[in-house]
Amino acid sequence: MFVSIFMYFFGLIVFCMKRKHLLLMLLSLEFIILSLYFNMFIYFSFMNYEYYFSMIFLSMSVCESALGLSILVSMIRTHGNDYFQTFNVLW
């Protein structure tokens, strides 16, 4: 149980430290989602609940990651890299 909490906070720390690089932000968000899934799986196994909600959560996280990767690809095609500081929002 403490491993998933440690994973969650470590993912938050990496997300806050790498806020200028989109790829590292997406990887840290996926790490946070993986830790939440791991925590939910442990909770459901201790309480003898169904695992159906965890499968819905996993499919939604896959959709979120596909959307993030498509945004990353479109940013790289238009701006050349994925740093937030290289393009201006006002243009």
PDB file of N, CA and C in Angstrom:
ATOM      1  N   MET A   1       0.824  -1.190   0.000  1.00  0.00           N
ATOM      2  CA  MET A   1       0.000   0.000   0.000  1.00  0.00           C
ATOM      3  C   MET A   1       0.870   1.257   0.000  1.00  0.00           C
ATOM      4  N   PHE A   2       1.935   1.231   0.781  1.00  0.00           N
ATOM      5  CA  PHE A   2       2.809   2.401   0.853  1.00  0.00           C
ATOM      6  C   PHE A   2       3.635   2.579  -0.414  1.00  0.00           C
ATOM      7  N   VAL A   3       3.825   1.502  -1.137  1.00  0.00           N
ATOM      8  CA  VAL A   3       4.581   1.592  -2.390  1.00  0.00           C
ATOM      9  C   VAL A   3       3.810   2.430  -3.407  1.00  0.00           C
ATOM     10  N   SER A   4       2.500   2.220  -3.478  1.00  0.00           N
ATOM     11  CA  SER A   4       1.708   2.991  -4.436  1.00  0.00           C
ATOM     12  C   SER A   4       1.620   4.460  -4.027  1.00  0.00           C
ATOM     13  N   ILE A   5       1.563   4.740  -2.737  1.00  0.00           N
ATOM     14  CA  ILE A   5       1.557   6.133  -2.280  1.00  0.00           C
ATOM     15  C   ILE A   5       2.894   6.784  -2.570  1.00  0.00           C
ATOM     16  N   PHE A   6       3.980   6.059  -2.361  1.00  0.00           N
ATOM     17  CA  PHE A   6       5.310   6.573  -2.691  1.00  0.00           C
ATOM     18  C   PHE A   6       5.441   6.814  -4.192  1.00  0.00           C
ATOM     19  N   MET A   7       4.905   5.907  -5.000  1.00  0.00           N
ATOM     20  CA  MET A   7       4.931   6.083  -6.450  1.00  0.00           C
ATOM     21  C   MET A   7       4.141   7.323  -6.866  1.00  0.00           C
ATOM     22  N   TYR A   8       2.989   7.541  -6.233  1.00  0.00           N
ATOM     23  CA  TYR A   8       2.160   8.694  -6.563  1.00  0.00           C
ATOM     24  C   TYR A   8       2.889  10.006  -6.271  1.00  0.00           C
ATOM     25  N   PHE A   9       3.469  10.126  -5.086  1.00  0.00           N
ATOM     26  CA  PHE A   9       4.157  11.364  -4.730  1.00  0.00           C
ATOM     27  C   PHE A   9       5.436  11.560  -5.537  1.00  0.00           C
ATOM     28  N   PHE A  10       6.111  10.490  -5.868  1.00  0.00           N
ATOM     29  CA  PHE A  10       7.292  10.602  -6.719  1.00  0.00           C
ATOM     30  C   PHE A  10       6.903  11.078  -8.121  1.00  0.00           C
ATOM     31  N   GLY A  11       5.765  10.602  -8.629  1.00  0.00           N
ATOM     32  CA  GLY A  11       5.270  11.078  -9.909  1.00  0.00           C
ATOM     33  C   GLY A  11       4.890  12.542  -9.873  1.00  0.00           C
ATOM     34  N   LEU A  12       4.294  12.988  -8.768  1.00  0.00           N
ATOM     35  CA  LEU A  12       3.967  14.400  -8.625  1.00  0.00           C
ATOM     36  C   LEU A  12       5.213  15.274  -8.573  1.00  0.00           C
ATOM     37  N   ILE A  13       6.246  14.804  -7.896  1.00  0.00           N
ATOM     38  CA  ILE A  13       7.495  15.568  -7.818  1.00  0.00           C
ATOM     39  C   ILE A  13       8.130  15.697  -9.191  1.00  0.00           C
ATOM     40  N   VAL A  14       8.160  14.608  -9.942  1.00  0.00           N
ATOM     41  CA  VAL A  14       8.731  14.656 -11.295  1.00  0.00           C
ATOM     42  C   VAL A  14       7.884  15.543 -12.194  1.00  0.00           C
ATOM     43  N   PHE A  15       6.562  15.498 -12.046  1.00  0.00           N
ATOM     44  CA  PHE A  15       5.681  16.351 -12.841  1.00  0.00           C
ATOM     45  C   PHE A  15       5.946  17.825 -12.564  1.00  0.00           C
ATOM     46  N   CYS A  16       6.169  18.170 -11.314  1.00  0.00           N
ATOM     47  CA  CYS A  16       6.451  19.572 -10.977  1.00  0.00           C
ATOM     48  C   CYS A  16       7.844  20.001 -11.414  1.00  0.00           C
ATOM     49  N   MET A  17       8.800  19.105 -11.391  1.00  0.00           N
ATOM     50  CA  MET A  17      10.169  19.475 -11.760  1.00  0.00           C
ATOM     51  C   MET A  17      10.351  19.590 -13.270  1.00  0.00           C
ATOM     52  N   LYS A  18       9.662  18.791 -14.059  1.00  0.00           N
ATOM     53  CA  LYS A  18       9.834  18.763 -15.513  1.00  0.00           C
ATOM     54  C   LYS A  18       8.652  19.416 -16.219  1.00  0.00           C
ATOM     55  N   ARG A  19       8.222  20.569 -15.769  1.00  0.00           N
ATOM     56  CA  ARG A  19       7.027  21.194 -16.305  1.00  0.00           C
ATOM     57  C   ARG A  19       7.245  21.883 -17.639  1.00  0.00           C
ATOM     58  N   LYS A  20       8.477  22.001 -18.118  1.00  0.00           N
ATOM     59  CA  LYS A  20       8.740  22.663 -19.392  1.00  0.00           C
ATOM     60  C   LYS A  20       8.887  21.689 -20.553  1.00  0.00           C
ATOM     61  N   HIS A  21       8.948  20.424 -20.288  1.00  0.00           N
ATOM     62  CA  HIS A  21       9.162  19.404 -21.304  1.00  0.00           C
ATOM     63  C   HIS A  21       7.910  18.529 -21.365  1.00  0.00           C
ATOM     64  N   LEU A  22       7.190  18.558 -22.486  1.00  0.00           N
ATOM     65  CA  LEU A  22       5.888  17.889 -22.568  1.00  0.00           C
ATOM     66  C   LEU A  22       5.999  16.374 -22.496  1.00  0.00           C
ATOM     67  N   LEU A  23       7.006  15.792 -23.097  1.00  0.00           N
ATOM     68  CA  LEU A  23       7.144  14.338 -23.078  1.00  0.00           C
ATOM     69  C   LEU A  23       7.372  13.825 -21.661  1.00  0.00           C
ATOM     70  N   LEU A  24       8.206  14.483 -20.903  1.00  0.00           N
ATOM     71  CA  LEU A  24       8.444  14.053 -19.521  1.00  0.00           C
ATOM     72  C   LEU A  24       7.221  14.289 -18.640  1.00  0.00           C
ATOM     73  N   MET A  25       6.460  15.332 -18.953  1.00  0.00           N
ATOM     74  CA  MET A  25       5.216  15.545 -18.209  1.00  0.00           C
ATOM     75  C   MET A  25       4.212  14.425 -18.491  1.00  0.00           C
ATOM     76  N   LEU A  26       4.115  14.006 -19.746  1.00  0.00           N
ATOM     77  CA  LEU A  26       3.204  12.914 -20.087  1.00  0.00           C
ATOM     78  C   LEU A  26       3.641  11.598 -19.449  1.00  0.00           C
ATOM     79  N   LEU A  27       4.950  11.360 -19.420  1.00  0.00           N
ATOM     80  CA  LEU A  27       5.441  10.131 -18.782  1.00  0.00           C
ATOM     81  C   LEU A  27       5.180  10.142 -17.278  1.00  0.00           C
ATOM     82  N   SER A  28       5.344  11.285 -16.640  1.00  0.00           N
ATOM     83  CA  SER A  28       5.074  11.346 -15.200  1.00  0.00           C
ATOM     84  C   SER A  28       3.583  11.221 -14.922  1.00  0.00           C
ATOM     85  N   LEU A  29       2.728  11.763 -15.800  1.00  0.00           N
ATOM     86  CA  LEU A  29       1.283  11.566 -15.623  1.00  0.00           C
ATOM     87  C   LEU A  29       0.899  10.097 -15.776  1.00  0.00           C
ATOM     88  N   GLU A  30       1.522   9.404 -16.706  1.00  0.00           N
ATOM     89  CA  GLU A  30       1.254   7.970 -16.852  1.00  0.00           C
ATOM     90  C   GLU A  30       1.758   7.187 -15.643  1.00  0.00           C
ATOM     91  N   PHE A  31       2.851   7.627 -15.053  1.00  0.00           N
ATOM     92  CA  PHE A  31       3.348   6.985 -13.836  1.00  0.00           C
ATOM     93  C   PHE A  31       2.380   7.208 -12.682  1.00  0.00           C
ATOM     94  N   ILE A  32       1.797   8.399 -12.595  1.00  0.00           N
ATOM     95  CA  ILE A  32       0.802   8.681 -11.560  1.00  0.00           C
ATOM     96  C   ILE A  32      -0.432   7.815 -11.764  1.00  0.00           C
ATOM     97  N   ILE A  33      -0.881   7.685 -13.003  1.00  0.00           N
ATOM     98  CA  ILE A  33      -2.053   6.860 -13.294  1.00  0.00           C
ATOM     99  C   ILE A  33      -1.764   5.392 -12.991  1.00  0.00           C
ATOM    100  N   LEU A  34      -0.552   4.947 -13.287  1.00  0.00           N
ATOM    101  CA  LEU A  34      -0.180   3.570 -12.963  1.00  0.00           C
ATOM    102  C   LEU A  34      -0.173   3.333 -11.462  1.00  0.00           C
ATOM    103  N   SER A  35       0.294   4.301 -10.695  1.00  0.00           N
ATOM    104  CA  SER A  35       0.283   4.146  -9.238  1.00  0.00           C
ATOM    105  C   SER A  35      -1.137   4.160  -8.691  1.00  0.00           C
ATOM    106  N   LEU A  36      -2.020   4.990  -9.270  1.00  0.00           N
ATOM    107  CA  LEU A  36      -3.419   4.982  -8.841  1.00  0.00           C
ATOM    108  C   LEU A  36      -4.101   3.658  -9.188  1.00  0.00           C
ATOM    109  N   TYR A  37      -3.772   3.115 -10.358  1.00  0.00           N
ATOM    110  CA  TYR A  37      -4.328   1.813 -10.738  1.00  0.00           C
ATOM    111  C   TYR A  37      -3.825   0.717  -9.796  1.00  0.00           C
ATOM    112  N   PHE A  38      -2.555   0.768  -9.464  1.00  0.00           N
ATOM    113  CA  PHE A  38      -1.984  -0.215  -8.538  1.00  0.00           C
ATOM    114  C   PHE A  38      -2.641  -0.108  -7.165  1.00  0.00           C
ATOM    115  N   ASN A  39      -2.872   1.117  -6.702  1.00  0.00           N
ATOM    116  CA  ASN A  39      -3.524   1.333  -5.415  1.00  0.00           C
ATOM    117  C   ASN A  39      -4.967   0.836  -5.445  1.00  0.00           C
ATOM    118  N   MET A  40      -5.674   1.093  -6.528  1.00  0.00           N
ATOM    119  CA  MET A  40      -7.050   0.637  -6.658  1.00  0.00           C
ATOM    120  C   MET A  40      -7.120  -0.887  -6.737  1.00  0.00           C
ATOM    121  N   PHE A  41      -6.180  -1.495  -7.429  1.00  0.00           N
ATOM    122  CA  PHE A  41      -6.154  -2.953  -7.523  1.00  0.00           C
ATOM    123  C   PHE A  41      -5.912  -3.588  -6.151  1.00  0.00           C
ATOM    124  N   ILE A  42      -5.005  -3.021  -5.374  1.00  0.00           N
ATOM    125  CA  ILE A  42      -4.752  -3.531  -4.020  1.00  0.00           C
ATOM    126  C   ILE A  42      -5.985  -3.363  -3.140  1.00  0.00           C
ATOM    127  N   TYR A  43      -6.618  -2.194  -3.245  1.00  0.00           N
ATOM    128  CA  TYR A  43      -7.824  -1.937  -2.443  1.00  0.00           C
ATOM    129  C   TYR A  43      -8.939  -2.915  -2.802  1.00  0.00           C
ATOM    130  N   PHE A  44      -9.155  -3.142  -4.081  1.00  0.00           N
ATOM    131  CA  PHE A  44     -10.209  -4.063  -4.495  1.00  0.00           C
ATOM    132  C   PHE A  44      -9.889  -5.501  -4.106  1.00  0.00           C
ATOM    133  N   SER A  45      -8.629  -5.877  -4.094  1.00  0.00           N
ATOM    134  CA  SER A  45      -8.286  -7.245  -3.700  1.00  0.00           C
ATOM    135  C   SER A  45      -8.432  -7.455  -2.189  1.00  0.00           C
ATOM    136  N   PHE A  46      -8.176  -6.417  -1.394  1.00  0.00           N
ATOM    137  CA  PHE A  46      -8.370  -6.556   0.051  1.00  0.00           C
ATOM    138  C   PHE A  46      -9.846  -6.594   0.428  1.00  0.00           C
ATOM    139  N   MET A  47     -10.669  -5.846  -0.270  1.00  0.00           N
ATOM    140  CA  MET A  47     -12.088  -5.758   0.072  1.00  0.00           C
ATOM    141  C   MET A  47     -12.964  -6.756  -0.688  1.00  0.00           C
ATOM    142  N   ASN A  48     -12.355  -7.571  -1.534  1.00  0.00           N
ATOM    143  CA  ASN A  48     -13.059  -8.587  -2.323  1.00  0.00           C
ATOM    144  C   ASN A  48     -14.152  -7.985  -3.202  1.00  0.00           C
ATOM    145  N   TYR A  49     -13.826  -6.872  -3.850  1.00  0.00           N
ATOM    146  CA  TYR A  49     -14.749  -6.232  -4.781  1.00  0.00           C
ATOM    147  C   TYR A  49     -14.491  -6.741  -6.188  1.00  0.00           C
ATOM    148  N   GLU A  50     -15.377  -6.326  -7.081  1.00  0.00           N
ATOM    149  CA  GLU A  50     -15.201  -6.639  -8.495  1.00  0.00           C
ATOM    150  C   GLU A  50     -14.077  -5.789  -9.073  1.00  0.00           C
ATOM    151  N   TYR A  51     -13.424  -6.307 -10.103  1.00  0.00           N
ATOM    152  CA  TYR A  51     -12.355  -5.582 -10.769  1.00  0.00           C
ATOM    153  C   TYR A  51     -12.841  -4.876 -12.030  1.00  0.00           C
ATOM    154  N   TYR A  52     -14.146  -4.780 -12.198  1.00  0.00           N
ATOM    155  CA  TYR A  52     -14.704  -4.185 -13.405  1.00  0.00           C
ATOM    156  C   TYR A  52     -14.370  -2.691 -13.486  1.00  0.00           C
ATOM    157  N   PHE A  53     -14.459  -1.978 -12.367  1.00  0.00           N
ATOM    158  CA  PHE A  53     -14.148  -0.553 -12.362  1.00  0.00           C
ATOM    159  C   PHE A  53     -12.680  -0.301 -12.678  1.00  0.00           C
ATOM    160  N   SER A  54     -11.811  -1.186 -12.252  1.00  0.00           N
ATOM    161  CA  SER A  54     -10.392  -1.003 -12.566  1.00  0.00           C
ATOM    162  C   SER A  54     -10.130  -1.162 -14.058  1.00  0.00           C
ATOM    163  N   MET A  55     -10.892  -2.015 -14.728  1.00  0.00           N
ATOM    164  CA  MET A  55     -10.741  -2.145 -16.179  1.00  0.00           C
ATOM    165  C   MET A  55     -11.263  -0.908 -16.907  1.00  0.00           C
ATOM    166  N   ILE A  56     -12.335  -0.302 -16.399  1.00  0.00           N
ATOM    167  CA  ILE A  56     -12.828   0.956 -16.973  1.00  0.00           C
ATOM    168  C   ILE A  56     -11.800   2.055 -16.769  1.00  0.00           C
ATOM    169  N   PHE A  57     -11.213   2.111 -15.581  1.00  0.00           N
ATOM    170  CA  PHE A  57     -10.181   3.108 -15.282  1.00  0.00           C
ATOM    171  C   PHE A  57      -8.976   2.914 -16.198  1.00  0.00           C
ATOM    172  N   LEU A  58      -8.594   1.683 -16.427  1.00  0.00           N
ATOM    173  CA  LEU A  58      -7.453   1.397 -17.297  1.00  0.00           C
ATOM    174  C   LEU A  58      -7.740   1.789 -18.737  1.00  0.00           C
ATOM    175  N   SER A  59      -8.937   1.542 -19.220  1.00  0.00           N
ATOM    176  CA  SER A  59      -9.267   1.928 -20.595  1.00  0.00           C
ATOM    177  C   SER A  59      -9.339   3.444 -20.746  1.00  0.00           C
ATOM    178  N   MET A  60      -9.833   4.161 -19.744  1.00  0.00           N
ATOM    179  CA  MET A  60      -9.853   5.625 -19.802  1.00  0.00           C
ATOM    180  C   MET A  60      -8.441   6.204 -19.750  1.00  0.00           C
ATOM    181  N   SER A  61      -7.563   5.580 -18.995  1.00  0.00           N
ATOM    182  CA  SER A  61      -6.182   6.075 -18.941  1.00  0.00           C
ATOM    183  C   SER A  61      -5.456   5.825 -20.263  1.00  0.00           C
ATOM    184  N   VAL A  62      -5.789   4.746 -20.950  1.00  0.00           N
ATOM    185  CA  VAL A  62      -5.198   4.496 -22.269  1.00  0.00           C
ATOM    186  C   VAL A  62      -5.684   5.544 -23.265  1.00  0.00           C
ATOM    187  N   CYS A  63      -6.966   5.890 -23.194  1.00  0.00           N
ATOM    188  CA  CYS A  63      -7.496   6.952 -24.073  1.00  0.00           C
ATOM    189  C   CYS A  63      -6.827   8.288 -23.775  1.00  0.00           C
ATOM    190  N   GLU A  64      -6.587   8.571 -22.521  1.00  0.00           N
ATOM    191  CA  GLU A  64      -5.923   9.823 -22.132  1.00  0.00           C
ATOM    192  C   GLU A  64      -4.487   9.854 -22.634  1.00  0.00           C
ATOM    193  N   SER A  65      -3.803   8.737 -22.565  1.00  0.00           N
ATOM    194  CA  SER A  65      -2.423   8.715 -23.035  1.00  0.00           C
ATOM    195  C   SER A  65      -2.348   8.839 -24.545  1.00  0.00           C
ATOM    196  N   ALA A  66      -3.299   8.260 -25.262  1.00  0.00           N
ATOM    197  CA  ALA A  66      -3.325   8.409 -26.722  1.00  0.00           C
ATOM    198  C   ALA A  66      -3.596   9.849 -27.118  1.00  0.00           C
ATOM    199  N   LEU A  67      -4.455  10.528 -26.386  1.00  0.00           N
ATOM    200  CA  LEU A  67      -4.719  11.934 -26.652  1.00  0.00           C
ATOM    201  C   LEU A  67      -3.483  12.786 -26.366  1.00  0.00           C
ATOM    202  N   GLY A  68      -2.783  12.495 -25.283  1.00  0.00           N
ATOM    203  CA  GLY A  68      -1.557  13.224 -24.967  1.00  0.00           C
ATOM    204  C   GLY A  68      -0.474  13.016 -26.002  1.00  0.00           C
ATOM    205  N   LEU A  69      -0.337  11.806 -26.496  1.00  0.00           N
ATOM    206  CA  LEU A  69       0.662  11.548 -27.535  1.00  0.00           C
ATOM    207  C   LEU A  69       0.304  12.222 -28.855  1.00  0.00           C
ATOM    208  N   SER A  70      -0.985  12.315 -29.165  1.00  0.00           N
ATOM    209  CA  SER A  70      -1.373  13.013 -30.394  1.00  0.00           C
ATOM    210  C   SER A  70      -1.103  14.509 -30.277  1.00  0.00           C
ATOM    211  N   ILE A  71      -1.298  15.080 -29.104  1.00  0.00           N
ATOM    212  CA  ILE A  71      -0.950  16.492 -28.892  1.00  0.00           C
ATOM    213  C   ILE A  71       0.555  16.680 -28.999  1.00  0.00           C
ATOM    214  N   LEU A  72       1.319  15.737 -28.478  1.00  0.00           N
ATOM    215  CA  LEU A  72       2.774  15.815 -28.571  1.00  0.00           C
ATOM    216  C   LEU A  72       3.247  15.757 -30.014  1.00  0.00           C
ATOM    217  N   VAL A  73       2.675  14.866 -30.796  1.00  0.00           N
ATOM    218  CA  VAL A  73       3.072  14.746 -32.200  1.00  0.00           C
ATOM    219  C   VAL A  73       2.706  16.002 -32.971  1.00  0.00           C
ATOM    220  N   SER A  74       1.525  16.559 -32.717  1.00  0.00           N
ATOM    221  CA  SER A  74       1.141  17.782 -33.428  1.00  0.00           C
ATOM    222  C   SER A  74       2.010  18.962 -33.019  1.00  0.00           C
ATOM    223  N   MET A  75       2.444  19.027 -31.751  1.00  0.00           N
ATOM    224  CA  MET A  75       3.352  20.100 -31.324  1.00  0.00           C
ATOM    225  C   MET A  75       4.708  19.965 -31.986  1.00  0.00           C
ATOM    226  N   ILE A  76       5.211  18.752 -32.097  1.00  0.00           N
ATOM    227  CA  ILE A  76       6.518  18.544 -32.715  1.00  0.00           C
ATOM    228  C   ILE A  76       6.457  18.862 -34.197  1.00  0.00           C
ATOM    229  N   ARG A  77       5.346  18.529 -34.857  1.00  0.00           N
ATOM    230  CA  ARG A  77       5.218  18.843 -36.282  1.00  0.00           C
ATOM    231  C   ARG A  77       5.121  20.340 -36.537  1.00  0.00           C
ATOM    232  N   THR A  78       4.448  21.085 -35.666  1.00  0.00           N
ATOM    233  CA  THR A  78       4.277  22.519 -35.910  1.00  0.00           C
ATOM    234  C   THR A  78       5.429  23.351 -35.393  1.00  0.00           C
ATOM    235  N   HIS A  79       5.990  22.998 -34.237  1.00  0.00           N
ATOM    236  CA  HIS A  79       7.007  23.838 -33.602  1.00  0.00           C
ATOM    237  C   HIS A  79       8.416  23.257 -33.639  1.00  0.00           C
ATOM    238  N   GLY A  80       8.569  21.995 -33.926  1.00  0.00           N
ATOM    239  CA  GLY A  80       9.897  21.407 -34.032  1.00  0.00           C
ATOM    240  C   GLY A  80      10.389  20.726 -32.777  1.00  0.00           C
ATOM    241  N   ASN A  81       9.868  21.080 -31.621  1.00  0.00           N
ATOM    242  CA  ASN A  81      10.249  20.420 -30.371  1.00  0.00           C
ATOM    243  C   ASN A  81       9.068  20.479 -29.406  1.00  0.00           C
ATOM    244  N   ASP A  82       9.262  19.968 -28.202  1.00  0.00           N
ATOM    245  CA  ASP A  82       8.141  19.927 -27.261  1.00  0.00           C
ATOM    246  C   ASP A  82       8.399  20.746 -26.008  1.00  0.00           C
ATOM    247  N   TYR A  83       9.239  21.754 -26.104  1.00  0.00           N
ATOM    248  CA  TYR A  83       9.432  22.654 -24.980  1.00  0.00           C
ATOM    249  C   TYR A  83       8.356  23.727 -25.005  1.00  0.00           C
ATOM    250  N   PHE A  84       7.798  24.038 -23.853  1.00  0.00           N
ATOM    251  CA  PHE A  84       6.746  25.040 -23.783  1.00  0.00           C
ATOM    252  C   PHE A  84       7.271  26.451 -23.996  1.00  0.00           C
ATOM    253  N   GLN A  85       8.526  26.683 -23.731  1.00  0.00           N
ATOM    254  CA  GLN A  85       9.072  28.050 -23.793  1.00  0.00           C
ATOM    255  C   GLN A  85       9.425  28.491 -25.192  1.00  0.00           C
ATOM    256  N   THR A  86       9.410  27.601 -26.189  1.00  0.00           N
ATOM    257  CA  THR A  86       9.854  27.984 -27.530  1.00  0.00           C
ATOM    258  C   THR A  86       8.757  28.599 -28.380  1.00  0.00           C
ATOM    259  N   PHE A  87       7.507  28.412 -28.039  1.00  0.00           N
ATOM    260  CA  PHE A  87       6.448  29.012 -28.835  1.00  0.00           C
ATOM    261  C   PHE A  87       5.650  29.996 -27.991  1.00  0.00           C
ATOM    262  N   ASN A  88       5.129  31.011 -28.655  1.00  0.00           N
ATOM    263  CA  ASN A  88       4.386  32.055 -27.971  1.00  0.00           C
ATOM    264  C   ASN A  88       2.900  31.752 -28.062  1.00  0.00           C
ATOM    265  N   VAL A  89       2.187  31.911 -26.963  1.00  0.00           N
ATOM    266  CA  VAL A  89       0.770  31.615 -26.925  1.00  0.00           C
ATOM    267  C   VAL A  89      -0.029  32.704 -27.648  1.00  0.00           C
ATOM    268  N   LEU A  90       0.478  33.916 -27.690  1.00  0.00           N
ATOM    269  CA  LEU A  90      -0.268  35.032 -28.272  1.00  0.00           C
ATOM    270  C   LEU A  90      -0.280  35.028 -29.796  1.00  0.00           C
ATOM    271  N   TRP A  91       0.556  34.239 -30.443  1.00  0.00           N
ATOM    272  CA  TRP A  91       0.626  34.266 -31.913  1.00  0.00           C
ATOM    273  C   TRP A  91      -0.474  33.478 -32.485  1.00  0.00           C
TER     274      TRP A  91
END
